[in-house]
């Protein structure tokens, strides 16, 4: 097996099966690699308090934490560690008026869907630089917050049932058009259940660490890999959230999808399946083969 100098990976559905699952297993796989100097970079749409209940750093020594980074909240926060504690390595947060324009854009979309199509939706406003629009308000993911089998078909059926043409792609274009009318250039992504609308994406997180960590350490992109569980296309031309880790800067790396869901993926992605167990096994092999 090829060994890597830097490993980027998603958290929910890749490192852990649910947020209530203890991080003990994946942390045990991460520790020896961090101790060896391998850069481990978690890329997730969530915030630090949702990663191992905000206590991820407690699993590792200060030396190990020198090689751990987190890119969170769709480009908003980038963390490193100092004296055993997480510190913001860099962040992108809008000013209040800009954030309110994002909120206004999403609320206008919510109103448009209800007024013109009779589609109910819920909005989560409490995110650093984006909002989540729940398109399947009757569907509860419980603690498994990643894409589930059949959800893409569920949301497409809902959209068709309400006469919304163009599927998820059409809805994302609608969101971006309303943003332009509101005076802000928003980026829309989706994991089927939620439409996420904001100013940045996971692409911004990975590009940040490519510049701020890999370049100073002289780590080539061919010495890196990316792991996730949401690469699959949700609609024509609309890949899952982990596909946003594929950027112009990261194209020389290798990409792996542990999801067991069948479907089309970007050409750069190797579909391994095996879910979190596959990723844990990969980490163990990375250490054993050094």
C-alpha atoms as a PDB file:
ATOM      1  CA  UNK A   1       0.000   0.000   0.000  1.00  0.00           C
ATOM      2  CA  UNK A   2       1.188   3.499  -0.820  1.00  0.00           C
ATOM      3  CA  UNK A   3       1.890   5.592   2.257  1.00  0.00           C
ATOM      4  CA  UNK A   4       0.871   9.249   2.449  1.00  0.00           C
ATOM      5  CA  UNK A   5       2.364  12.292   4.157  1.00  0.00           C
ATOM      6  CA  UNK A   6      -1.020  14.000   4.554  1.00  0.00           C
ATOM      7  CA  UNK A   7      -4.495  12.485   4.922  1.00  0.00           C
ATOM      8  CA  UNK A   8      -7.605  14.643   4.626  1.00  0.00           C
ATOM      9  CA  UNK A   9     -10.882  13.117   5.791  1.00  0.00           C
ATOM     10  CA  UNK A  10     -14.513  13.846   6.546  1.00  0.00           C
ATOM     11  CA  UNK A  11     -15.805  13.195  10.077  1.00  0.00           C
ATOM     12  CA  UNK A  12     -19.514  12.167  10.078  1.00  0.00           C
ATOM     13  CA  UNK A  13     -19.970   8.899   8.189  1.00  0.00           C
ATOM     14  CA  UNK A  14     -16.246   8.491   7.471  1.00  0.00           C
ATOM     15  CA  UNK A  15     -14.412   8.660  10.807  1.00  0.00           C
ATOM     16  CA  UNK A  16     -17.471   7.945  12.997  1.00  0.00           C
ATOM     17  CA  UNK A  17     -20.892   6.503  12.256  1.00  0.00           C
ATOM     18  CA  UNK A  18     -22.771   9.024  14.389  1.00  0.00           C
ATOM     19  CA  UNK A  19     -21.996  11.960  16.648  1.00  0.00           C
ATOM     20  CA  UNK A  20     -23.003   9.935  19.702  1.00  0.00           C
ATOM     21  CA  UNK A  21     -20.409   7.295  18.879  1.00  0.00           C
ATOM     22  CA  UNK A  22     -17.253   7.749  20.978  1.00  0.00           C
ATOM     23  CA  UNK A  23     -14.198   8.800  19.017  1.00  0.00           C
ATOM     24  CA  UNK A  24     -12.029   6.194  20.780  1.00  0.00           C
ATOM     25  CA  UNK A  25     -11.703   3.863  17.770  1.00  0.00           C
ATOM     26  CA  UNK A  26     -10.713   6.432  15.194  1.00  0.00           C
ATOM     27  CA  UNK A  27      -8.511   8.305  17.677  1.00  0.00           C
ATOM     28  CA  UNK A  28      -6.606   5.077  18.395  1.00  0.00           C
ATOM     29  CA  UNK A  29      -5.981   4.733  14.635  1.00  0.00           C
ATOM     30  CA  UNK A  30      -4.918   8.372  14.329  1.00  0.00           C
ATOM     31  CA  UNK A  31      -2.482   8.526  17.277  1.00  0.00           C
ATOM     32  CA  UNK A  32       0.436   6.490  15.863  1.00  0.00           C
ATOM     33  CA  UNK A  33       0.280   8.341  12.543  1.00  0.00           C
ATOM     34  CA  UNK A  34       0.272  11.735  14.255  1.00  0.00           C
ATOM     35  CA  UNK A  35       3.187  10.641  16.408  1.00  0.00           C
ATOM     36  CA  UNK A  36       5.070   9.675  13.215  1.00  0.00           C
ATOM     37  CA  UNK A  37       4.502  13.141  11.766  1.00  0.00           C
ATOM     38  CA  UNK A  38       1.743  12.351   9.273  1.00  0.00           C
ATOM     39  CA  UNK A  39      -0.504  15.364   8.762  1.00  0.00           C
ATOM     40  CA  UNK A  40      -4.143  14.458   9.494  1.00  0.00           C
ATOM     41  CA  UNK A  41      -6.635  17.097   8.365  1.00  0.00           C
ATOM     42  CA  UNK A  42     -10.321  16.724   9.226  1.00  0.00           C
ATOM     43  CA  UNK A  43     -12.646  18.486   6.753  1.00  0.00           C
ATOM     44  CA  UNK A  44     -16.226  18.715   7.988  1.00  0.00           C
ATOM     45  CA  UNK A  45     -19.275  20.913   7.604  1.00  0.00           C
ATOM     46  CA  UNK A  46     -19.809  20.991  11.346  1.00  0.00           C
ATOM     47  CA  UNK A  47     -18.210  23.018  14.163  1.00  0.00           C
ATOM     48  CA  UNK A  48     -15.553  21.976  16.680  1.00  0.00           C
ATOM     49  CA  UNK A  49     -18.011  21.388  19.531  1.00  0.00           C
ATOM     50  CA  UNK A  50     -19.678  18.658  17.410  1.00  0.00           C
ATOM     51  CA  UNK A  51     -16.392  16.789  16.799  1.00  0.00           C
ATOM     52  CA  UNK A  52     -16.097  14.287  19.689  1.00  0.00           C
ATOM     53  CA  UNK A  53     -18.238  16.729  21.707  1.00  0.00           C
ATOM     54  CA  UNK A  54     -15.496  19.349  21.476  1.00  0.00           C
ATOM     55  CA  UNK A  55     -12.979  17.105  23.242  1.00  0.00           C
ATOM     56  CA  UNK A  56     -11.043  15.649  20.307  1.00  0.00           C
ATOM     57  CA  UNK A  57      -7.780  17.223  21.479  1.00  0.00           C
ATOM     58  CA  UNK A  58      -8.040  15.263  24.749  1.00  0.00           C
ATOM     59  CA  UNK A  59      -7.183  12.029  22.927  1.00  0.00           C
ATOM     60  CA  UNK A  60      -3.733  13.194  21.871  1.00  0.00           C
ATOM     61  CA  UNK A  61      -0.450  14.455  23.270  1.00  0.00           C
ATOM     62  CA  UNK A  62       0.852  17.933  22.457  1.00  0.00           C
ATOM     63  CA  UNK A  63       3.404  16.392  20.089  1.00  0.00           C
ATOM     64  CA  UNK A  64       0.674  14.471  18.245  1.00  0.00           C
ATOM     65  CA  UNK A  65      -1.532  17.568  18.056  1.00  0.00           C
ATOM     66  CA  UNK A  66       1.243  19.399  16.189  1.00  0.00           C
ATOM     67  CA  UNK A  67       0.220  17.314  13.154  1.00  0.00           C
ATOM     68  CA  UNK A  68      -3.579  17.562  13.490  1.00  0.00           C
ATOM     69  CA  UNK A  69      -5.708  20.190  11.738  1.00  0.00           C
ATOM     70  CA  UNK A  70      -9.418  20.771  11.221  1.00  0.00           C
ATOM     71  CA  UNK A  71     -11.186  22.639   8.426  1.00  0.00           C
ATOM     72  CA  UNK A  72     -14.768  23.145   9.591  1.00  0.00           C
ATOM     73  CA  UNK A  73     -18.121  24.794   8.868  1.00  0.00           C
ATOM     74  CA  UNK A  74     -17.877  24.931   5.073  1.00  0.00           C
ATOM     75  CA  UNK A  75     -14.790  27.120   4.959  1.00  0.00           C
ATOM     76  CA  UNK A  76     -15.512  29.225   8.046  1.00  0.00           C
ATOM     77  CA  UNK A  77     -12.974  27.827  10.539  1.00  0.00           C
ATOM     78  CA  UNK A  78      -9.498  26.319  10.183  1.00  0.00           C
ATOM     79  CA  UNK A  79      -7.900  24.976  13.365  1.00  0.00           C
ATOM     80  CA  UNK A  80      -4.464  23.925  14.495  1.00  0.00           C
ATOM     81  CA  UNK A  81      -3.358  23.261  18.102  1.00  0.00           C
ATOM     82  CA  UNK A  82      -1.125  25.037  20.586  1.00  0.00           C
ATOM     83  CA  UNK A  83      -0.239  23.872  24.095  1.00  0.00           C
ATOM     84  CA  UNK A  84      -2.705  21.011  23.657  1.00  0.00           C
ATOM     85  CA  UNK A  85      -5.673  23.255  22.840  1.00  0.00           C
ATOM     86  CA  UNK A  86      -7.448  24.105  19.557  1.00  0.00           C
ATOM     87  CA  UNK A  87      -6.658  27.533  18.141  1.00  0.00           C
ATOM     88  CA  UNK A  88      -7.981  29.216  15.035  1.00  0.00           C
ATOM     89  CA  UNK A  89      -5.337  28.819  12.359  1.00  0.00           C
ATOM     90  CA  UNK A  90      -7.470  30.980  10.079  1.00  0.00           C
ATOM     91  CA  UNK A  91     -11.124  31.815   9.536  1.00  0.00           C
ATOM     92  CA  UNK A  92     -13.549  33.375   7.134  1.00  0.00           C
ATOM     93  CA  UNK A  93     -16.482  34.993   8.881  1.00  0.00           C
ATOM     94  CA  UNK A  94     -18.754  37.565   7.263  1.00  0.00           C
ATOM     95  CA  UNK A  95     -19.548  40.842   8.914  1.00  0.00           C
ATOM     96  CA  UNK A  96     -23.000  41.098  10.436  1.00  0.00           C
ATOM     97  CA  UNK A  97     -24.591  42.882   7.478  1.00  0.00           C
ATOM     98  CA  UNK A  98     -23.176  40.350   5.024  1.00  0.00           C
ATOM     99  CA  UNK A  99     -24.391  37.468   7.200  1.00  0.00           C
ATOM    100  CA  UNK A 100     -27.839  39.030   7.322  1.00  0.00           C
ATOM    101  CA  UNK A 101     -27.907  39.152   3.515  1.00  0.00           C
ATOM    102  CA  UNK A 102     -27.236  35.404   3.469  1.00  0.00           C
ATOM    103  CA  UNK A 103     -30.104  34.939   5.960  1.00  0.00           C
ATOM    104  CA  UNK A 104     -32.338  37.155   3.816  1.00  0.00           C
ATOM    105  CA  UNK A 105     -31.506  35.130   0.701  1.00  0.00           C
ATOM    106  CA  UNK A 106     -32.395  31.835   2.386  1.00  0.00           C
ATOM    107  CA  UNK A 107     -35.584  33.215   3.917  1.00  0.00           C
ATOM    108  CA  UNK A 108     -36.668  34.537   0.518  1.00  0.00           C
ATOM    109  CA  UNK A 109     -36.089  31.087  -0.959  1.00  0.00           C
ATOM    110  CA  UNK A 110     -38.119  29.535   1.863  1.00  0.00           C
ATOM    111  CA  UNK A 111     -40.962  31.982   1.146  1.00  0.00           C
ATOM    112  CA  UNK A 112     -40.760  31.381  -2.608  1.00  0.00           C
ATOM    113  CA  UNK A 113     -40.978  27.598  -2.199  1.00  0.00           C
ATOM    114  CA  UNK A 114     -43.983  27.882   0.099  1.00  0.00           C
ATOM    115  CA  UNK A 115     -45.815  30.591  -1.846  1.00  0.00           C
ATOM    116  CA  UNK A 116     -45.247  29.269  -5.378  1.00  0.00           C
ATOM    117  CA  UNK A 117     -45.015  25.510  -4.817  1.00  0.00           C
ATOM    118  CA  UNK A 118     -46.575  24.800  -1.422  1.00  0.00           C
ATOM    119  CA  UNK A 119     -43.326  23.210  -0.195  1.00  0.00           C
ATOM    120  CA  UNK A 120     -42.684  23.467   3.537  1.00  0.00           C
ATOM    121  CA  UNK A 121     -39.080  23.936   4.660  1.00  0.00           C
ATOM    122  CA  UNK A 122     -37.202  24.748   7.841  1.00  0.00           C
ATOM    123  CA  UNK A 123     -34.172  27.014   8.201  1.00  0.00           C
ATOM    124  CA  UNK A 124     -31.172  26.634  10.495  1.00  0.00           C
ATOM    125  CA  UNK A 125     -29.706  30.126  10.825  1.00  0.00           C
ATOM    126  CA  UNK A 126     -27.120  29.379  13.504  1.00  0.00           C
ATOM    127  CA  UNK A 127     -24.136  28.540  11.318  1.00  0.00           C
ATOM    128  CA  UNK A 128     -21.010  30.703  11.012  1.00  0.00           C
ATOM    129  CA  UNK A 129     -21.334  31.793   7.383  1.00  0.00           C
ATOM    130  CA  UNK A 130     -24.185  29.806   5.867  1.00  0.00           C
ATOM    131  CA  UNK A 131     -27.735  28.568   6.473  1.00  0.00           C
ATOM    132  CA  UNK A 132     -29.260  25.126   6.145  1.00  0.00           C
ATOM    133  CA  UNK A 133     -32.629  24.787   4.417  1.00  0.00           C
ATOM    134  CA  UNK A 134     -34.318  21.503   5.363  1.00  0.00           C
ATOM    135  CA  UNK A 135     -36.121  20.142   2.302  1.00  0.00           C
ATOM    136  CA  UNK A 136     -37.437  16.999   4.021  1.00  0.00           C
ATOM    137  CA  UNK A 137     -38.899  18.314   7.263  1.00  0.00           C
ATOM    138  CA  UNK A 138     -40.712  15.048   8.014  1.00  0.00           C
ATOM    139  CA  UNK A 139     -37.546  12.960   7.632  1.00  0.00           C
ATOM    140  CA  UNK A 140     -35.364  12.647  10.755  1.00  0.00           C
ATOM    141  CA  UNK A 141     -31.774  11.445  10.413  1.00  0.00           C
ATOM    142  CA  UNK A 142     -31.413  11.096  14.183  1.00  0.00           C
ATOM    143  CA  UNK A 143     -27.691  10.971  15.015  1.00  0.00           C
ATOM    144  CA  UNK A 144     -26.583   9.763  11.561  1.00  0.00           C
ATOM    145  CA  UNK A 145     -26.279  13.150   9.929  1.00  0.00           C
ATOM    146  CA  UNK A 146     -24.697  12.042   6.664  1.00  0.00           C
ATOM    147  CA  UNK A 147     -26.387  11.001   3.388  1.00  0.00           C
ATOM    148  CA  UNK A 148     -28.538   7.881   3.823  1.00  0.00           C
ATOM    149  CA  UNK A 149     -29.583   5.250   1.278  1.00  0.00           C
ATOM    150  CA  UNK A 150     -32.629   6.407  -0.688  1.00  0.00           C
ATOM    151  CA  UNK A 151     -32.565  10.051   0.417  1.00  0.00           C
ATOM    152  CA  UNK A 152     -31.707  11.382  -3.030  1.00  0.00           C
ATOM    153  CA  UNK A 153     -34.752   9.633  -4.476  1.00  0.00           C
ATOM    154  CA  UNK A 154     -36.886  10.896  -1.587  1.00  0.00           C
ATOM    155  CA  UNK A 155     -36.042  14.545  -2.109  1.00  0.00           C
ATOM    156  CA  UNK A 156     -36.383  14.315  -5.900  1.00  0.00           C
ATOM    157  CA  UNK A 157     -39.855  12.796  -5.443  1.00  0.00           C
ATOM    158  CA  UNK A 158     -40.802  15.657  -3.104  1.00  0.00           C
ATOM    159  CA  UNK A 159     -39.587  18.275  -5.583  1.00  0.00           C
ATOM    160  CA  UNK A 160     -41.438  16.640  -8.490  1.00  0.00           C
ATOM    161  CA  UNK A 161     -44.559  16.319  -6.362  1.00  0.00           C
ATOM    162  CA  UNK A 162     -44.558  20.068  -5.793  1.00  0.00           C
ATOM    163  CA  UNK A 163     -43.942  20.872  -9.457  1.00  0.00           C
ATOM    164  CA  UNK A 164     -40.384  22.142  -9.000  1.00  0.00           C
ATOM    165  CA  UNK A 165     -38.615  21.681 -12.326  1.00  0.00           C
ATOM    166  CA  UNK A 166     -34.936  20.918 -12.612  1.00  0.00           C
ATOM    167  CA  UNK A 167     -34.574  18.835  -9.457  1.00  0.00           C
ATOM    168  CA  UNK A 168     -31.864  19.682  -6.939  1.00  0.00           C
ATOM    169  CA  UNK A 169     -29.760  21.376  -9.611  1.00  0.00           C
ATOM    170  CA  UNK A 170     -32.653  23.691 -10.437  1.00  0.00           C
ATOM    171  CA  UNK A 171     -33.222  24.448  -6.765  1.00  0.00           C
ATOM    172  CA  UNK A 172     -29.544  25.301  -6.221  1.00  0.00           C
ATOM    173  CA  UNK A 173     -29.603  27.608  -9.246  1.00  0.00           C
ATOM    174  CA  UNK A 174     -32.738  29.217  -7.794  1.00  0.00           C
ATOM    175  CA  UNK A 175     -30.922  29.854  -4.501  1.00  0.00           C
ATOM    176  CA  UNK A 176     -27.952  31.460  -6.241  1.00  0.00           C
ATOM    177  CA  UNK A 177     -30.245  33.627  -8.386  1.00  0.00           C
ATOM    178  CA  UNK A 178     -32.105  34.871  -5.293  1.00  0.00           C
ATOM    179  CA  UNK A 179     -28.700  35.607  -3.770  1.00  0.00           C
ATOM    180  CA  UNK A 180     -27.789  37.789  -6.726  1.00  0.00           C
ATOM    181  CA  UNK A 181     -31.121  39.602  -6.390  1.00  0.00           C
ATOM    182  CA  UNK A 182     -30.378  40.072  -2.692  1.00  0.00           C
ATOM    183  CA  UNK A 183     -26.960  41.506  -3.492  1.00  0.00           C
ATOM    184  CA  UNK A 184     -24.727  38.646  -2.389  1.00  0.00           C
ATOM    185  CA  UNK A 185     -22.866  35.896  -4.256  1.00  0.00           C
ATOM    186  CA  UNK A 186     -23.824  32.717  -2.401  1.00  0.00           C
ATOM    187  CA  UNK A 187     -22.685  29.146  -3.044  1.00  0.00           C
ATOM    188  CA  UNK A 188     -25.285  26.395  -2.729  1.00  0.00           C
ATOM    189  CA  UNK A 189     -24.440  22.772  -1.929  1.00  0.00           C
ATOM    190  CA  UNK A 190     -26.634  19.872  -0.853  1.00  0.00           C
ATOM    191  CA  UNK A 191     -26.638  16.488   0.869  1.00  0.00           C
ATOM    192  CA  UNK A 192     -30.210  15.787  -0.343  1.00  0.00           C
ATOM    193  CA  UNK A 193     -32.050  16.552   2.915  1.00  0.00           C
ATOM    194  CA  UNK A 194     -30.462  19.970   3.328  1.00  0.00           C
ATOM    195  CA  UNK A 195     -29.689  22.760   0.922  1.00  0.00           C
ATOM    196  CA  UNK A 196     -26.720  24.625   2.391  1.00  0.00           C
ATOM    197  CA  UNK A 197     -26.361  28.220   1.237  1.00  0.00           C
ATOM    198  CA  UNK A 198     -23.432  30.414   2.182  1.00  0.00           C
ATOM    199  CA  UNK A 199     -20.246  32.157   1.200  1.00  0.00           C
ATOM    200  CA  UNK A 200     -17.732  29.291   1.228  1.00  0.00           C
ATOM    201  CA  UNK A 201     -17.562  25.483   0.933  1.00  0.00           C
ATOM    202  CA  UNK A 202     -15.228  22.619   1.879  1.00  0.00           C
ATOM    203  CA  UNK A 203     -13.154  23.667  -1.126  1.00  0.00           C
ATOM    204  CA  UNK A 204     -12.051  26.733   0.811  1.00  0.00           C
ATOM    205  CA  UNK A 205     -10.937  24.594   3.773  1.00  0.00           C
ATOM    206  CA  UNK A 206      -8.795  22.217   1.707  1.00  0.00           C
ATOM    207  CA  UNK A 207      -7.256  24.987  -0.375  1.00  0.00           C
ATOM    208  CA  UNK A 208      -6.372  26.864   2.816  1.00  0.00           C
ATOM    209  CA  UNK A 209      -4.476  23.898   4.251  1.00  0.00           C
ATOM    210  CA  UNK A 210      -2.852  23.165   0.906  1.00  0.00           C
ATOM    211  CA  UNK A 211      -1.320  26.650   1.043  1.00  0.00           C
ATOM    212  CA  UNK A 212      -0.739  26.987   4.781  1.00  0.00           C
ATOM    213  CA  UNK A 213       0.414  23.467   5.730  1.00  0.00           C
ATOM    214  CA  UNK A 214       1.390  21.388   2.697  1.00  0.00           C
ATOM    215  CA  UNK A 215       3.454  24.038   0.884  1.00  0.00           C
ATOM    216  CA  UNK A 216       5.544  25.030   3.943  1.00  0.00           C
ATOM    217  CA  UNK A 217       6.155  21.327   4.687  1.00  0.00           C
ATOM    218  CA  UNK A 218       7.064  20.659   1.043  1.00  0.00           C
ATOM    219  CA  UNK A 219       4.358  17.983   0.800  1.00  0.00           C
ATOM    220  CA  UNK A 220       3.312  17.336  -2.785  1.00  0.00           C
ATOM    221  CA  UNK A 221      -0.340  16.716  -3.604  1.00  0.00           C
ATOM    222  CA  UNK A 222       0.664  13.300  -4.985  1.00  0.00           C
ATOM    223  CA  UNK A 223       1.653  12.455  -1.384  1.00  0.00           C
ATOM    224  CA  UNK A 224      -1.862  13.212  -0.109  1.00  0.00           C
ATOM    225  CA  UNK A 225      -5.207  11.425  -0.054  1.00  0.00           C
ATOM    226  CA  UNK A 226      -8.770  12.424   0.724  1.00  0.00           C
ATOM    227  CA  UNK A 227     -11.435  10.208   2.336  1.00  0.00           C
ATOM    228  CA  UNK A 228     -15.177  10.790   2.573  1.00  0.00           C
ATOM    229  CA  UNK A 229     -18.588   9.189   2.265  1.00  0.00           C
ATOM    230  CA  UNK A 230     -20.502  11.823   0.248  1.00  0.00           C
ATOM    231  CA  UNK A 231     -18.918  12.000  -3.197  1.00  0.00           C
ATOM    232  CA  UNK A 232     -21.873  10.461  -5.045  1.00  0.00           C
ATOM    233  CA  UNK A 233     -23.795  12.615  -7.547  1.00  0.00           C
ATOM    234  CA  UNK A 234     -27.160  13.654  -6.097  1.00  0.00           C
ATOM    235  CA  UNK A 235     -28.405  15.063  -9.402  1.00  0.00           C
ATOM    236  CA  UNK A 236     -26.962  15.700 -12.843  1.00  0.00           C
ATOM    237  CA  UNK A 237     -23.837  17.780 -12.247  1.00  0.00           C
ATOM    238  CA  UNK A 238     -24.436  17.977  -8.475  1.00  0.00           C
ATOM    239  CA  UNK A 239     -21.921  15.907  -6.481  1.00  0.00           C
ATOM    240  CA  UNK A 240     -22.120  15.316  -2.746  1.00  0.00           C
ATOM    241  CA  UNK A 241     -20.445  17.562  -0.192  1.00  0.00           C
ATOM    242  CA  UNK A 242     -17.150  15.638  -0.032  1.00  0.00           C
ATOM    243  CA  UNK A 243     -16.605  16.178  -3.751  1.00  0.00           C
ATOM    244  CA  UNK A 244     -15.908  19.825  -2.919  1.00  0.00           C
ATOM    245  CA  UNK A 245     -12.555  18.592  -1.592  1.00  0.00           C
ATOM    246  CA  UNK A 246     -11.630  18.071  -5.258  1.00  0.00           C
ATOM    247  CA  UNK A 247     -10.237  21.448  -6.362  1.00  0.00           C
ATOM    248  CA  UNK A 248      -7.665  22.716  -8.832  1.00  0.00           C
ATOM    249  CA  UNK A 249      -5.097  22.583  -6.029  1.00  0.00           C
ATOM    250  CA  UNK A 250      -5.960  19.033  -4.885  1.00  0.00           C
ATOM    251  CA  UNK A 251      -6.460  17.248  -8.229  1.00  0.00           C
ATOM    252  CA  UNK A 252      -3.083  15.547  -7.994  1.00  0.00           C
ATOM    253  CA  UNK A 253      -4.157  13.664  -4.844  1.00  0.00           C
ATOM    254  CA  UNK A 254      -6.096  10.398  -4.518  1.00  0.00           C
ATOM    255  CA  UNK A 255      -9.722  10.299  -3.396  1.00  0.00           C
ATOM    256  CA  UNK A 256     -11.607   7.454  -1.708  1.00  0.00           C
ATOM    257  CA  UNK A 257     -15.308   7.015  -0.918  1.00  0.00           C
ATOM    258  CA  UNK A 258     -16.269   4.604   1.896  1.00  0.00           C
ATOM    259  CA  UNK A 259     -20.033   4.868   1.363  1.00  0.00           C
ATOM    260  CA  UNK A 260     -21.860   1.657   0.450  1.00  0.00           C
ATOM    261  CA  UNK A 261     -24.428   3.600  -1.597  1.00  0.00           C
ATOM    262  CA  UNK A 262     -24.195   2.762  -5.300  1.00  0.00           C
ATOM    263  CA  UNK A 263     -24.208   5.504  -7.889  1.00  0.00           C
ATOM    264  CA  UNK A 264     -22.122   7.771 -10.088  1.00  0.00           C
ATOM    265  CA  UNK A 265     -19.121   9.557  -8.576  1.00  0.00           C
ATOM    266  CA  UNK A 266     -16.588  12.070  -9.903  1.00  0.00           C
ATOM    267  CA  UNK A 267     -13.964  10.396 -12.086  1.00  0.00           C
ATOM    268  CA  UNK A 268     -11.212  11.176  -9.565  1.00  0.00           C
ATOM    269  CA  UNK A 269     -12.865   9.059  -6.846  1.00  0.00           C
ATOM    270  CA  UNK A 270     -12.133   5.413  -6.031  1.00  0.00           C
ATOM    271  CA  UNK A 271     -15.246   3.817  -4.501  1.00  0.00           C
ATOM    272  CA  UNK A 272     -13.970   1.477  -1.771  1.00  0.00           C
ATOM    273  CA  UNK A 273     -17.162   1.054   0.274  1.00  0.00           C
ATOM    274  CA  UNK A 274     -16.804  -0.435   3.733  1.00  0.00           C
ATOM    275  CA  UNK A 275     -17.945   2.675   5.642  1.00  0.00           C
ATOM    276  CA  UNK A 276     -16.066   3.768   8.778  1.00  0.00           C
ATOM    277  CA  UNK A 277     -14.452   0.350   9.271  1.00  0.00           C
ATOM    278  CA  UNK A 278     -12.730   0.693   5.888  1.00  0.00           C
ATOM    279  CA  UNK A 279     -11.285   4.057   6.841  1.00  0.00           C
ATOM    280  CA  UNK A 280     -10.077   2.792  10.221  1.00  0.00           C
ATOM    281  CA  UNK A 281      -8.402  -0.176   8.525  1.00  0.00           C
ATOM    282  CA  UNK A 282      -6.711   2.177   6.071  1.00  0.00           C
ATOM    283  CA  UNK A 283      -5.256   4.236   8.936  1.00  0.00           C
ATOM    284  CA  UNK A 284      -3.971   1.106  10.659  1.00  0.00           C
ATOM    285  CA  UNK A 285      -2.309  -0.096   7.453  1.00  0.00           C
ATOM    286  CA  UNK A 286      -0.757   3.318   6.896  1.00  0.00           C
ATOM    287  CA  UNK A 287       1.062   2.936  10.203  1.00  0.00           C
ATOM    288  CA  UNK A 288       1.964  -0.736   9.857  1.00  0.00           C
ATOM    289  CA  UNK A 289       3.547  -0.255   6.423  1.00  0.00           C
ATOM    290  CA  UNK A 290       5.860   2.616   7.401  1.00  0.00           C
END
